[in-house]
C-alpha atoms as a PDB file:
ATOM      1  CA  MET A   1       0.000   0.000   0.000  1.00  0.00           C
ATOM      2  CA  PRO A   2       1.568   3.360  -1.034  1.00  0.00           C
ATOM      3  CA  LEU A   3       2.569   5.764   1.712  1.00  0.00           C
ATOM      4  CA  THR A   4       0.458   8.875   2.111  1.00  0.00           C
ATOM      5  CA  GLU A   5       1.985  12.341   1.891  1.00  0.00           C
ATOM      6  CA  THR A   6       1.521  12.668   5.664  1.00  0.00           C
ATOM      7  CA  GLU A   7       3.465   9.446   6.289  1.00  0.00           C
ATOM      8  CA  LEU A   8       6.167  10.455   3.831  1.00  0.00           C
ATOM      9  CA  GLY A   9       6.521  13.816   5.573  1.00  0.00           C
ATOM     10  CA  ARG A  10       6.799  12.141   8.950  1.00  0.00           C
ATOM     11  CA  LEU A  11       9.503   9.745   7.714  1.00  0.00           C
ATOM     12  CA  ARG A  12      11.449  12.564   6.061  1.00  0.00           C
ATOM     13  CA  ALA A  13      11.347  14.553   9.309  1.00  0.00           C
ATOM     14  CA  ALA A  14      12.448  11.501  11.314  1.00  0.00           C
ATOM     15  CA  GLY A  15      15.287  10.882   8.852  1.00  0.00           C
ATOM     16  CA  GLU A  16      16.460  14.469   9.241  1.00  0.00           C
ATOM     17  CA  VAL A  17      16.587  14.028  13.026  1.00  0.00           C
ATOM     18  CA  LEU A  18      18.684  10.872  12.601  1.00  0.00           C
ATOM     19  CA  ARG A  19      21.071  12.598  10.188  1.00  0.00           C
ATOM     20  CA  LYS A  20      21.618  15.365  12.725  1.00  0.00           C
ATOM     21  CA  GLY A  21      22.965  12.684  15.057  1.00  0.00           C
ATOM     22  CA  LEU A  22      26.146  12.659  12.951  1.00  0.00           C
ATOM     23  CA  VAL A  23      27.226  15.888  14.645  1.00  0.00           C
ATOM     24  CA  SER A  24      27.054  16.599  18.376  1.00  0.00           C
ATOM     25  CA  PRO A  25      24.669  19.319  19.632  1.00  0.00           C
ATOM     26  CA  VAL A  26      27.645  21.306  20.975  1.00  0.00           C
ATOM     27  CA  THR A  27      29.313  21.245  17.549  1.00  0.00           C
ATOM     28  CA  ILE A  28      26.081  22.290  15.827  1.00  0.00           C
ATOM     29  CA  LEU A  29      25.746  25.187  18.268  1.00  0.00           C
ATOM     30  CA  GLY A  30      29.269  26.329  17.417  1.00  0.00           C
ATOM     31  CA  TYR A  31      28.656  25.931  13.697  1.00  0.00           C
ATOM     32  CA  THR A  32      25.495  28.027  13.973  1.00  0.00           C
ATOM     33  CA  TYR A  33      27.499  30.922  15.392  1.00  0.00           C
ATOM     34  CA  ASP A  34      30.307  30.514  12.854  1.00  0.00           C
ATOM     35  CA  TRP A  35      27.846  30.394   9.956  1.00  0.00           C
ATOM     36  CA  ALA A  36      26.159  33.571  11.207  1.00  0.00           C
ATOM     37  CA  MET A  37      29.556  35.296  11.225  1.00  0.00           C
ATOM     38  CA  PHE A  38      30.211  34.204   7.638  1.00  0.00           C
ATOM     39  CA  THR A  39      26.810  35.288   6.321  1.00  0.00           C
ATOM     40  CA  ALA A  40      27.173  38.686   8.017  1.00  0.00           C
ATOM     41  CA  TRP A  41      30.614  39.168   6.432  1.00  0.00           C
ATOM     42  CA  SER A  42      29.359  38.059   3.014  1.00  0.00           C
ATOM     43  CA  SER A  43      26.448  40.460   3.161  1.00  0.00           C
ATOM     44  CA  ALA A  44      28.687  43.384   4.118  1.00  0.00           C
ATOM     45  CA  ALA A  45      31.165  42.448   1.374  1.00  0.00           C
ATOM     46  CA  GLY A  46      28.489  42.067  -1.277  1.00  0.00           C
ATOM     47  CA  ARG A  47      29.265  38.365  -1.743  1.00  0.00           C
ATOM     48  CA  GLN A  48      26.915  35.379  -1.933  1.00  0.00           C
ATOM     49  CA  SER A  49      27.090  33.111   1.092  1.00  0.00           C
ATOM     50  CA  LEU A  50      24.957  30.207  -0.146  1.00  0.00           C
ATOM     51  CA  PRO A  51      26.236  28.709  -2.268  1.00  0.00           C
ATOM     52  CA  ALA A  52      29.543  30.439  -1.696  1.00  0.00           C
ATOM     53  CA  SER A  53      32.421  30.326  -4.138  1.00  0.00           C
ATOM     54  CA  ALA A  54      35.886  29.142  -3.184  1.00  0.00           C
ATOM     55  CA  GLU A  55      37.081  32.704  -3.725  1.00  0.00           C
ATOM     56  CA  THR A  56      34.530  34.083  -1.254  1.00  0.00           C
ATOM     57  CA  VAL A  57      35.591  31.574   1.402  1.00  0.00           C
ATOM     58  CA  SER A  58      39.268  32.319   0.757  1.00  0.00           C
ATOM     59  CA  LEU A  59      38.695  36.076   1.022  1.00  0.00           C
ATOM     60  CA  TYR A  60      36.731  35.606   4.251  1.00  0.00           C
ATOM     61  CA  LEU A  61      39.392  33.435   5.874  1.00  0.00           C
ATOM     62  CA  THR A  62      42.128  35.828   4.746  1.00  0.00           C
ATOM     63  CA  ASP A  63      40.232  38.706   6.334  1.00  0.00           C
ATOM     64  CA  LEU A  64      39.948  36.750   9.600  1.00  0.00           C
ATOM     65  CA  LEU A  65      43.672  36.038   9.657  1.00  0.00           C
ATOM     66  CA  GLU A  66      44.537  39.658   8.880  1.00  0.00           C
ATOM     67  CA  GLN A  67      42.383  40.689  11.852  1.00  0.00           C
ATOM     68  CA  GLY A  68      44.652  38.562  14.032  1.00  0.00           C
ATOM     69  CA  LYS A  69      42.342  35.565  14.471  1.00  0.00           C
ATOM     70  CA  LYS A  70      44.050  32.248  15.096  1.00  0.00           C
ATOM     71  CA  ILE A  71      44.378  29.644  12.369  1.00  0.00           C
ATOM     72  CA  THR A  72      42.355  27.241  14.512  1.00  0.00           C
ATOM     73  CA  THR A  73      39.498  29.770  14.434  1.00  0.00           C
ATOM     74  CA  ALA A  74      39.753  30.059  10.653  1.00  0.00           C
ATOM     75  CA  ARG A  75      39.709  26.266  10.310  1.00  0.00           C
ATOM     76  CA  ARG A  76      36.618  26.010  12.510  1.00  0.00           C
ATOM     77  CA  ARG A  77      34.830  28.677  10.457  1.00  0.00           C
ATOM     78  CA  LYS A  78      35.714  26.756   7.293  1.00  0.00           C
ATOM     79  CA  CYS A  79      34.238  23.552   8.784  1.00  0.00           C
ATOM     80  CA  ALA A  80      31.021  25.406   9.620  1.00  0.00           C
ATOM     81  CA  ILE A  81      30.739  26.717   6.059  1.00  0.00           C
ATOM     82  CA  VAL A  82      31.273  23.224   4.648  1.00  0.00           C
ATOM     83  CA  TYR A  83      28.727  21.735   7.057  1.00  0.00           C
ATOM     84  CA  GLU A  84      26.064  24.304   6.159  1.00  0.00           C
ATOM     85  CA  HIS A  85      26.558  23.809   2.424  1.00  0.00           C
ATOM     86  CA  ARG A  86      26.323  20.037   2.614  1.00  0.00           C
ATOM     87  CA  ALA A  87      23.333  20.174   4.959  1.00  0.00           C
ATOM     88  CA  ARG A  88      21.484  22.267   2.354  1.00  0.00           C
ATOM     89  CA  GLY A  89      22.455  20.113  -0.585  1.00  0.00           C
ATOM     90  CA  PHE A  90      25.290  22.212  -2.020  1.00  0.00           C
ATOM     91  CA  ALA A  91      28.823  21.137  -2.851  1.00  0.00           C
ATOM     92  CA  SER A  92      31.564  22.149  -0.444  1.00  0.00           C
ATOM     93  CA  PRO A  93      33.241  25.438  -1.407  1.00  0.00           C
ATOM     94  CA  ALA A  94      36.379  24.434   0.523  1.00  0.00           C
ATOM     95  CA  THR A  95      38.422  23.512  -2.520  1.00  0.00           C
ATOM     96  CA  ALA A  96      42.170  22.918  -2.715  1.00  0.00           C
ATOM     97  CA  GLU A  97      42.571  26.697  -2.951  1.00  0.00           C
ATOM     98  CA  VAL A  98      41.065  27.138   0.508  1.00  0.00           C
ATOM     99  CA  THR A  99      43.072  24.269   2.012  1.00  0.00           C
ATOM    100  CA  GLN A 100      46.309  25.663   0.580  1.00  0.00           C
ATOM    101  CA  LEU A 101      45.562  29.068   2.088  1.00  0.00           C
ATOM    102  CA  LEU A 102      45.285  27.649   5.615  1.00  0.00           C
ATOM    103  CA  THR A 103      48.291  25.352   5.157  1.00  0.00           C
ATOM    104  CA  GLY A 104      50.394  28.275   3.964  1.00  0.00           C
ATOM    105  CA  ALA A 105      49.214  30.424   6.871  1.00  0.00           C
ATOM    106  CA  GLN A 106      50.269  27.725   9.348  1.00  0.00           C
ATOM    107  CA  ARG A 107      53.751  27.497   7.801  1.00  0.00           C
ATOM    108  CA  ILE A 108      54.207  31.265   7.918  1.00  0.00           C
ATOM    109  CA  ARG A 109      52.856  31.768  11.422  1.00  0.00           C
ATOM    110  CA  ALA A 110      53.995  28.467  12.943  1.00  0.00           C
ATOM    111  CA  GLU A 111      51.180  28.739  15.490  1.00  0.00           C
ATOM    112  CA  LYS A 112      51.373  26.314  18.387  1.00  0.00           C
ATOM    113  CA  PRO A 113      48.292  25.022  20.203  1.00  0.00           C
ATOM    114  CA  ARG A 114      47.539  26.783  23.478  1.00  0.00           C
ATOM    115  CA  GLN A 115      47.973  24.185  26.200  1.00  0.00           C
ATOM    116  CA  MET A 116      46.194  24.432  29.511  1.00  0.00           C
ATOM    117  CA  ARG A 117      48.348  24.094  32.603  1.00  0.00           C
ATOM    118  CA  ALA A 118      48.449  20.603  34.051  1.00  0.00           C
ATOM    119  CA  LEU A 119      47.091  20.201  37.571  1.00  0.00           C
ATOM    120  CA  THR A 120      49.502  18.348  39.847  1.00  0.00           C
ATOM    121  CA  VAL A 121      48.597  15.759  42.468  1.00  0.00           C
ATOM    122  CA  LYS A 122      49.922  18.142  45.132  1.00  0.00           C
ATOM    123  CA  GLN A 123      47.627  20.939  43.924  1.00  0.00           C
ATOM    124  CA  LEU A 124      44.690  18.533  43.693  1.00  0.00           C
ATOM    125  CA  ARG A 125      45.257  17.448  47.285  1.00  0.00           C
ATOM    126  CA  ALA A 126      45.453  21.066  48.467  1.00  0.00           C
ATOM    127  CA  MET A 127      42.138  21.905  46.802  1.00  0.00           C
ATOM    128  CA  SER A 128      40.497  18.758  48.155  1.00  0.00           C
ATOM    129  CA  ILE A 129      41.592  19.542  51.737  1.00  0.00           C
ATOM    130  CA  ASP A 130      40.396  23.138  51.391  1.00  0.00           C
ATOM    131  CA  LEU A 131      36.971  22.076  50.116  1.00  0.00           C
ATOM    132  CA  GLU A 132      36.565  19.425  52.823  1.00  0.00           C
ATOM    133  CA  LYS A 133      37.182  22.092  55.469  1.00  0.00           C
ATOM    134  CA  LEU A 134      34.646  24.374  53.790  1.00  0.00           C
ATOM    135  CA  GLY A 135      32.133  21.537  54.136  1.00  0.00           C
ATOM    136  CA  THR A 136      29.156  22.918  52.188  1.00  0.00           C
ATOM    137  CA  ASP A 137      27.199  20.771  49.745  1.00  0.00           C
ATOM    138  CA  VAL A 138      28.713  22.731  46.846  1.00  0.00           C
ATOM    139  CA  ALA A 139      32.219  22.259  48.245  1.00  0.00           C
ATOM    140  CA  ILE A 140      31.798  18.495  48.700  1.00  0.00           C
ATOM    141  CA  ARG A 141      30.346  18.191  45.189  1.00  0.00           C
ATOM    142  CA  ASN A 142      33.190  20.235  43.711  1.00  0.00           C
ATOM    143  CA  ARG A 143      35.721  18.134  45.608  1.00  0.00           C
ATOM    144  CA  ALA A 144      34.307  14.990  44.009  1.00  0.00           C
ATOM    145  CA  ILE A 145      34.300  16.650  40.581  1.00  0.00           C
ATOM    146  CA  LEU A 146      37.979  17.544  40.900  1.00  0.00           C
ATOM    147  CA  VAL A 147      39.180  14.173  42.186  1.00  0.00           C
ATOM    148  CA  VAL A 148      37.027  12.039  39.882  1.00  0.00           C
ATOM    149  CA  GLY A 149      37.751  14.391  36.976  1.00  0.00           C
ATOM    150  CA  PHE A 150      41.497  14.087  37.552  1.00  0.00           C
ATOM    151  CA  ALA A 151      41.472  10.327  38.145  1.00  0.00           C
ATOM    152  CA  SER A 152      39.257   9.590  35.129  1.00  0.00           C
ATOM    153  CA  ALA A 153      40.927  12.107  32.770  1.00  0.00           C
ATOM    154  CA  LEU A 154      37.502  12.604  31.207  1.00  0.00           C
ATOM    155  CA  ARG A 155      36.717  15.667  29.133  1.00  0.00           C
ATOM    156  CA  ARG A 156      34.545  18.218  30.882  1.00  0.00           C
ATOM    157  CA  SER A 157      31.510  17.383  28.732  1.00  0.00           C
ATOM    158  CA  ASN A 158      31.789  13.683  29.618  1.00  0.00           C
ATOM    159  CA  LEU A 159      32.181  14.477  33.294  1.00  0.00           C
ATOM    160  CA  ALA A 160      29.054  16.636  33.210  1.00  0.00           C
ATOM    161  CA  ALA A 161      27.153  13.938  31.292  1.00  0.00           C
ATOM    162  CA  LEU A 162      27.662  11.257  33.951  1.00  0.00           C
ATOM    163  CA  ASN A 163      24.528   9.973  35.687  1.00  0.00           C
ATOM    164  CA  LEU A 164      24.284   8.199  39.015  1.00  0.00           C
ATOM    165  CA  ASP A 165      23.450   5.001  37.114  1.00  0.00           C
ATOM    166  CA  ASP A 166      26.801   5.255  35.307  1.00  0.00           C
ATOM    167  CA  VAL A 167      28.693   4.573  38.556  1.00  0.00           C
ATOM    168  CA  GLU A 168      29.409   1.123  39.932  1.00  0.00           C
ATOM    169  CA  PHE A 169      31.402   0.677  43.140  1.00  0.00           C
ATOM    170  CA  CYS A 170      33.427  -2.501  43.537  1.00  0.00           C
ATOM    171  CA  ALA A 171      36.157  -3.935  45.785  1.00  0.00           C
ATOM    172  CA  LYS A 172      38.994  -2.409  43.745  1.00  0.00           C
ATOM    173  CA  GLY A 173      37.438   1.012  43.258  1.00  0.00           C
ATOM    174  CA  LEU A 174      34.729   2.190  40.903  1.00  0.00           C
ATOM    175  CA  ILE A 175      33.705   1.670  37.281  1.00  0.00           C
ATOM    176  CA  LEU A 176      32.283   4.453  35.152  1.00  0.00           C
ATOM    177  CA  SER A 177      30.146   3.855  32.080  1.00  0.00           C
ATOM    178  CA  VAL A 178      31.201   6.487  29.546  1.00  0.00           C
ATOM    179  CA  ASN A 179      28.412   6.488  26.982  1.00  0.00           C
ATOM    180  CA  ARG A 180      29.659   8.964  24.394  1.00  0.00           C
ATOM    181  CA  GLU A 181      32.944  10.740  23.730  1.00  0.00           C
ATOM    182  CA  LYS A 182      34.446  13.130  21.202  1.00  0.00           C
ATOM    183  CA  ASN A 183      36.205  10.264  19.417  1.00  0.00           C
ATOM    184  CA  ASP A 184      33.207   7.919  19.773  1.00  0.00           C
ATOM    185  CA  PRO A 185      30.578   9.579  17.547  1.00  0.00           C
ATOM    186  CA  GLU A 186      28.566   6.357  17.278  1.00  0.00           C
ATOM    187  CA  ALA A 187      28.203   6.253  21.080  1.00  0.00           C
ATOM    188  CA  LYS A 188      29.459   2.688  21.447  1.00  0.00           C
ATOM    189  CA  GLY A 189      30.635   3.629  24.930  1.00  0.00           C
ATOM    190  CA  ARG A 190      33.286   2.130  27.173  1.00  0.00           C
ATOM    191  CA  LEU A 191      33.893   1.168  30.785  1.00  0.00           C
ATOM    192  CA  LEU A 192      36.534   3.024  32.775  1.00  0.00           C
ATOM    193  CA  ALA A 193      37.975   1.426  35.919  1.00  0.00           C
ATOM    194  CA  ILE A 194      39.251   3.864  38.549  1.00  0.00           C
ATOM    195  CA  PRO A 195      41.146   2.309  41.482  1.00  0.00           C
ATOM    196  CA  ARG A 196      40.955   3.405  45.090  1.00  0.00           C
ATOM    197  CA  GLY A 197      43.427   6.080  46.127  1.00  0.00           C
ATOM    198  CA  LYS A 198      46.014   5.747  48.887  1.00  0.00           C
ATOM    199  CA  HIS A 199      45.171   9.139  50.424  1.00  0.00           C
ATOM    200  CA  ALA A 200      41.724  10.139  51.666  1.00  0.00           C
ATOM    201  CA  ASN A 201      41.672  13.538  49.986  1.00  0.00           C
ATOM    202  CA  THR A 202      42.681  12.236  46.562  1.00  0.00           C
ATOM    203  CA  CYS A 203      40.801   8.931  46.631  1.00  0.00           C
ATOM    204  CA  PRO A 204      38.093   8.948  43.947  1.00  0.00           C
ATOM    205  CA  VAL A 205      36.014   6.375  45.831  1.00  0.00           C
ATOM    206  CA  ARG A 206      36.004   8.176  49.188  1.00  0.00           C
ATOM    207  CA  THR A 207      35.438  11.652  47.773  1.00  0.00           C
ATOM    208  CA  LEU A 208      32.616  10.428  45.518  1.00  0.00           C
ATOM    209  CA  ARG A 209      30.931   8.495  48.325  1.00  0.00           C
ATOM    210  CA  ALA A 210      31.129  11.597  50.519  1.00  0.00           C
ATOM    211  CA  TRP A 211      29.312  13.555  47.820  1.00  0.00           C
ATOM    212  CA  LEU A 212      26.689  10.840  47.280  1.00  0.00           C
ATOM    213  CA  ARG A 213      25.848  10.913  50.990  1.00  0.00           C
ATOM    214  CA  ARG A 214      24.891  14.573  50.450  1.00  0.00           C
ATOM    215  CA  ARG A 215      23.345  14.071  47.015  1.00  0.00           C
ATOM    216  CA  GLY A 216      21.099  11.124  47.831  1.00  0.00           C
ATOM    217  CA  GLY A 217      20.163   8.180  45.629  1.00  0.00           C
ATOM    218  CA  ALA A 218      17.772   9.795  43.153  1.00  0.00           C
ATOM    219  CA  HIS A 219      18.341   9.007  39.495  1.00  0.00           C
ATOM    220  CA  GLY A 220      19.758  11.753  37.339  1.00  0.00           C
ATOM    221  CA  PRO A 221      22.985  13.733  36.911  1.00  0.00           C
ATOM    222  CA  LEU A 222      25.874  12.554  39.083  1.00  0.00           C
ATOM    223  CA  PHE A 223      26.957  16.164  39.605  1.00  0.00           C
ATOM    224  CA  PRO A 224      23.812  18.322  39.428  1.00  0.00           C
ATOM    225  CA  ARG A 225      23.759  22.080  39.749  1.00  0.00           C
ATOM    226  CA  LEU A 226      23.035  23.325  43.274  1.00  0.00           C
ATOM    227  CA  ASP A 227      22.350  27.026  42.739  1.00  0.00           C
ATOM    228  CA  PRO A 228      18.710  27.914  43.628  1.00  0.00           C
ATOM    229  CA  LYS A 229      17.777  28.961  40.087  1.00  0.00           C
ATOM    230  CA  HIS A 230      18.947  25.704  38.438  1.00  0.00           C
ATOM    231  CA  GLU A 231      18.969  23.245  41.342  1.00  0.00           C
ATOM    232  CA  GLY A 232      18.956  19.627  40.188  1.00  0.00           C
ATOM    233  CA  GLN A 233      19.665  20.456  36.558  1.00  0.00           C
ATOM    234  CA  ARG A 234      22.603  18.941  34.720  1.00  0.00           C
ATOM    235  CA  MET A 235      25.870  20.832  34.701  1.00  0.00           C
ATOM    236  CA  ASP A 236      27.498  21.534  31.353  1.00  0.00           C
ATOM    237  CA  GLY A 237      31.135  21.896  30.346  1.00  0.00           C
ATOM    238  CA  GLU A 238      31.180  25.564  31.257  1.00  0.00           C
ATOM    239  CA  CYS A 239      29.996  24.737  34.783  1.00  0.00           C
ATOM    240  CA  ILE A 240      32.882  22.283  35.216  1.00  0.00           C
ATOM    241  CA  TRP A 241      35.264  24.944  33.837  1.00  0.00           C
ATOM    242  CA  ARG A 242      34.049  27.466  36.442  1.00  0.00           C
ATOM    243  CA  VAL A 243      34.420  24.912  39.263  1.00  0.00           C
ATOM    244  CA  VAL A 244      38.095  24.365  38.404  1.00  0.00           C
ATOM    245  CA  LYS A 245      38.748  28.094  38.079  1.00  0.00           C
ATOM    246  CA  LYS A 246      37.208  28.867  41.473  1.00  0.00           C
ATOM    247  CA  CYS A 247      38.959  25.998  43.254  1.00  0.00           C
ATOM    248  CA  VAL A 248      42.337  26.911  41.786  1.00  0.00           C
ATOM    249  CA  ALA A 249      41.866  30.489  42.976  1.00  0.00           C
ATOM    250  CA  ARG A 250      41.068  29.262  46.505  1.00  0.00           C
ATOM    251  CA  ILE A 251      44.597  27.835  46.887  1.00  0.00           C
ATOM    252  CA  GLY A 252      46.249  31.039  45.720  1.00  0.00           C
ATOM    253  CA  ILE A 253      46.775  30.351  42.014  1.00  0.00           C
ATOM    254  CA  ASP A 254      45.822  32.880  39.344  1.00  0.00           C
ATOM    255  CA  PRO A 255      42.968  31.114  37.485  1.00  0.00           C
ATOM    256  CA  ALA A 256      43.476  33.306  34.407  1.00  0.00           C
ATOM    257  CA  ASP A 257      46.908  31.783  33.790  1.00  0.00           C
ATOM    258  CA  ARG A 258      45.765  28.936  31.505  1.00  0.00           C
ATOM    259  CA  TRP A 259      43.789  27.017  34.116  1.00  0.00           C
ATOM    260  CA  GLY A 260      40.512  25.310  33.320  1.00  0.00           C
ATOM    261  CA  ALA A 261      38.627  22.035  33.188  1.00  0.00           C
ATOM    262  CA  HIS A 262      41.179  20.533  30.801  1.00  0.00           C
ATOM    263  CA  SER A 263      43.831  21.004  33.508  1.00  0.00           C
ATOM    264  CA  MET A 264      42.456  17.881  35.221  1.00  0.00           C
ATOM    265  CA  ARG A 265      42.830  15.713  32.120  1.00  0.00           C
ATOM    266  CA  ALA A 266      46.221  17.196  31.292  1.00  0.00           C
ATOM    267  CA  GLY A 267      47.323  16.714  34.907  1.00  0.00           C
ATOM    268  CA  MET A 268      46.460  13.039  35.033  1.00  0.00           C
ATOM    269  CA  ILE A 269      48.217  12.311  31.726  1.00  0.00           C
ATOM    270  CA  SER A 270      51.303  14.304  32.739  1.00  0.00           C
ATOM    271  CA  ALA A 271      51.456  12.649  36.165  1.00  0.00           C
ATOM    272  CA  ALA A 272      51.128   9.201  34.596  1.00  0.00           C
ATOM    273  CA  GLY A 273      53.988  10.017  32.228  1.00  0.00           C
ATOM    274  CA  GLU A 274      56.163  11.160  35.142  1.00  0.00           C
ATOM    275  CA  ALA A 275      55.402   7.860  36.867  1.00  0.00           C
ATOM    276  CA  ASP A 276      56.809   6.048  33.794  1.00  0.00           C
ATOM    277  CA  VAL A 277      53.448   4.692  32.693  1.00  0.00           C
ATOM    278  CA  GLY A 278      53.761   3.790  29.010  1.00  0.00           C
ATOM    279  CA  VAL A 279      52.140   5.872  26.296  1.00  0.00           C
ATOM    280  CA  LEU A 280      50.078   2.901  25.083  1.00  0.00           C
ATOM    281  CA  ARG A 281      48.659   2.257  28.562  1.00  0.00           C
ATOM    282  CA  ILE A 282      47.814   5.934  29.049  1.00  0.00           C
ATOM    283  CA  GLY A 283      46.184   6.070  25.620  1.00  0.00           C
ATOM    284  CA  ALA A 284      44.067   3.009  26.387  1.00  0.00           C
ATOM    285  CA  TYR A 285      42.905   4.628  29.625  1.00  0.00           C
ATOM    286  CA  THR A 286      42.108   8.029  28.094  1.00  0.00           C
ATOM    287  CA  ASN A 287      40.880   6.629  24.758  1.00  0.00           C
ATOM    288  CA  GLN A 288      43.516   8.505  22.749  1.00  0.00           C
ATOM    289  CA  SER A 289      46.177   7.646  20.193  1.00  0.00           C
ATOM    290  CA  PRO A 290      49.839   7.547  21.342  1.00  0.00           C
ATOM    291  CA  GLU A 291      50.553  10.620  19.210  1.00  0.00           C
ATOM    292  CA  ILE A 292      47.912  12.660  21.040  1.00  0.00           C
ATOM    293  CA  VAL A 293      49.058  11.407  24.451  1.00  0.00           C
ATOM    294  CA  ARG A 294      52.620  12.546  23.776  1.00  0.00           C
ATOM    295  CA  ARG A 295      51.387  16.105  23.248  1.00  0.00           C
ATOM    296  CA  TYR A 296      50.390  16.254  26.914  1.00  0.00           C
ATOM    297  CA  PHE A 297      53.812  15.426  28.279  1.00  0.00           C
ATOM    298  CA  ARG A 298      55.079  18.632  29.775  1.00  0.00           C
ATOM    299  CA  ARG A 299      58.461  20.341  30.007  1.00  0.00           C
ATOM    300  CA  GLN A 300      59.787  17.964  32.649  1.00  0.00           C
ATOM    301  CA  GLU A 301      59.744  15.215  30.020  1.00  0.00           C
ATOM    302  CA  LEU A 302      62.581  17.044  28.277  1.00  0.00           C
ATOM    303  CA  TRP A 303      64.890  15.947  31.111  1.00  0.00           C
ATOM    304  CA  ARG A 304      63.775  12.337  31.412  1.00  0.00           C
ATOM    305  CA  ASN A 305      66.481  10.026  29.999  1.00  0.00           C
ATOM    306  CA  ASN A 306      68.112  13.028  28.329  1.00  0.00           C
ATOM    307  CA  PRO A 307      71.000  11.671  26.197  1.00  0.00           C
ATOM    308  CA  CYS A 308      73.182  14.710  26.776  1.00  0.00           C
ATOM    309  CA  ALA A 309      73.003  14.143  30.540  1.00  0.00           C
ATOM    310  CA  GLN A 310      74.762  10.807  30.080  1.00  0.00           C
ATOM    311  CA  LEU A 311      77.892  12.344  28.508  1.00  0.00           C
ATOM    312  CA  GLY A 312      79.589  13.602  31.658  1.00  0.00           C
ATOM    313  CA  LEU A 313      80.050  17.102  30.260  1.00  0.00           C
END
C-alpha cells in the first residue's frame, strides 16, 4: 500500500533528526554561530554566502587572519561553512585553494596550540583539603568533581554527562560507564575502571561516596547544579570549567593563567607520564592515540632520559 503524503513527511522529518545525530549538539551550536559570522561578512562584502564560491571563502578566511584571528578559528569557520553547504544540498566550497591558504598560513605563522596548565597531584590534594574544610554541599560536590575528573581524565563534557546510574562501586574502586565521547561519535561507549586512592583527599572512591551521601540516591545527573535557580539540573562543560577556576583560585593560584577544566585531564596524563606509565597504557585509559598522548607530556619530560646528561660534560 503506497505511503500517504503525511506518512512520507513524517519519515522525512524523522530521517532528518537521525542525520543530525552525525554531529554533536555542541558542535552544531558552534557551527550556527560561525555560519552567522560568515553570512554577516558576506552580506557586508556584497558576496553570496549560499552557495559560496571558493574565492569568497578564501577572502573571508584571509580577512579573519589579517584581523589577528588564530588559524584554529579560521579552520573552525571553514568547517562550519562546509557543514552548512552540505546540509542544504550544495557542494563544499572548501576547494584545494582554501586548504592551501590555511596550510600556507600555518607554515608562515607556525602557530602552536595553546595548552592548559596541568594540575599536579599536590595541587589537587590542596584543593580537596580546602573544600573538605569548607564543608558545604557545593564544596563536597566540587571536591568529588575535581578528584574524579582528575582520576578519570575525562573531558569536561563527559564528566558533566555522567549519571548516578553510570557509577558502579566494587572492591577495587569504581567503574564508570562512559556512553559517548568526542572520538566515539557512534556512542558505542566504554567502561573506565578507577582504582581506590592511597590518600583520603585524593581517593576517587572516598570523595565520591562523601558527595553521594549529600546528594542522595535519586536518578539523574551525578553532579547536578546546586544554585537555587537551576537546582537539580545537569551541569554543562562551562559549569565544570568554572568549578576548576574557582577551586584553583582558593589555593592562591591565578585562574586566568591557563587554568581550566582541561587542567584535570592534562594533569592526570602528565602525572602518569612522570610515573613512567607507558604511552600505550595511558592512551588506552584516556581513549587517545599515542601521538595525542605525547602532546600532553610537559616540560619535565625534556629531562627524562636526556642523552646529553649521560655524557659527563
